[in-house]
């Protein structure tokens, strides 16, 4: 695994954890604006983490093929 792929996995993990944290924060009562923002940003951050992880694993697989 190259350094670039490891960095992609690390960034994917950070985004996924931040997104999950925002979504878990919705379990506490909050105003409608905060709920909207936390839901939208949380879902987008989790999705970005998943897409980056898939991309990093594809790059890792391509770099090992020869």
Protein backbone atom coordinates (compact mmCIF):
# COMPACT_ATOMS: atom_id res chain seq x y z
CA UNK A 1 0.00 0.00 0.00
CA UNK A 2 1.41 3.35 -1.01
CA UNK A 3 1.35 6.47 1.12
CA UNK A 4 -1.31 8.09 -1.08
CA UNK A 5 -3.68 5.16 -0.62
CA UNK A 6 -3.12 5.13 3.14
CA UNK A 7 -3.90 8.85 3.25
CA UNK A 8 -7.11 8.27 1.26
CA UNK A 9 -8.18 5.58 3.74
CA UNK A 10 -7.40 7.89 6.67
CA UNK A 11 -9.39 10.78 5.17
CA UNK A 12 -12.28 8.42 4.41
CA UNK A 13 -12.27 7.26 8.02
CA UNK A 14 -12.27 10.84 9.32
CA UNK A 15 -15.20 11.85 7.12
CA UNK A 16 -17.16 8.72 8.03
CA UNK A 17 -16.60 9.28 11.76
CA UNK A 18 -17.49 12.97 11.60
CA UNK A 19 -20.65 12.17 9.62
CA UNK A 20 -21.64 9.40 12.03
CA UNK A 21 -21.01 11.75 14.95
CA UNK A 22 -23.27 14.38 13.44
CA UNK A 23 -26.00 11.83 12.83
CA UNK A 24 -25.68 10.48 16.37
CA UNK A 25 -25.94 14.03 17.70
CA UNK A 26 -29.48 14.10 16.31
CA UNK A 27 -30.61 11.87 19.17
CA UNK A 28 -30.64 14.97 21.41
CA UNK A 29 -33.43 17.51 21.05
CA UNK A 30 -32.56 20.42 18.75
CA UNK A 31 -34.20 23.07 16.66
CA UNK A 32 -35.37 22.37 13.12
CA UNK A 33 -32.46 24.24 11.49
CA UNK A 34 -29.85 22.32 13.46
CA UNK A 35 -31.57 19.02 12.67
CA UNK A 36 -31.64 19.87 8.96
CA UNK A 37 -27.99 20.90 8.83
CA UNK A 38 -26.72 17.97 10.93
CA UNK A 39 -28.73 15.51 8.84
CA UNK A 40 -27.58 16.88 5.48
CA UNK A 41 -23.92 17.33 6.41
CA UNK A 42 -23.83 14.02 8.29
CA UNK A 43 -25.24 12.03 5.39
CA UNK A 44 -22.95 13.75 2.88
CA UNK A 45 -19.87 13.18 5.08
CA UNK A 46 -20.67 9.47 5.51
CA UNK A 47 -21.26 9.15 1.77
CA UNK A 48 -17.96 10.88 1.03
CA UNK A 49 -16.18 8.54 3.43
CA UNK A 50 -17.68 5.49 1.75
CA UNK A 51 -16.84 6.73 -1.76
CA UNK A 52 -13.26 7.58 -0.77
CA UNK A 53 -12.81 4.16 0.85
CA UNK A 54 -14.10 2.42 -2.27
CA UNK A 55 -11.83 4.53 -4.46
CA UNK A 56 -8.81 3.86 -2.25
CA UNK A 57 -9.43 0.13 -2.27
CA UNK A 58 -9.76 0.16 -6.06
CA UNK A 59 -6.49 2.07 -6.36
CA UNK A 60 -4.85 -0.42 -4.00
CA UNK A 61 -6.12 -3.33 -6.08
CA UNK A 62 -4.96 -1.71 -9.33
CA UNK A 63 -1.52 -0.99 -7.90
CA UNK A 64 -1.00 -4.66 -6.96
CA UNK A 65 -2.03 -6.04 -10.35
CA UNK A 66 0.66 -6.55 -12.96
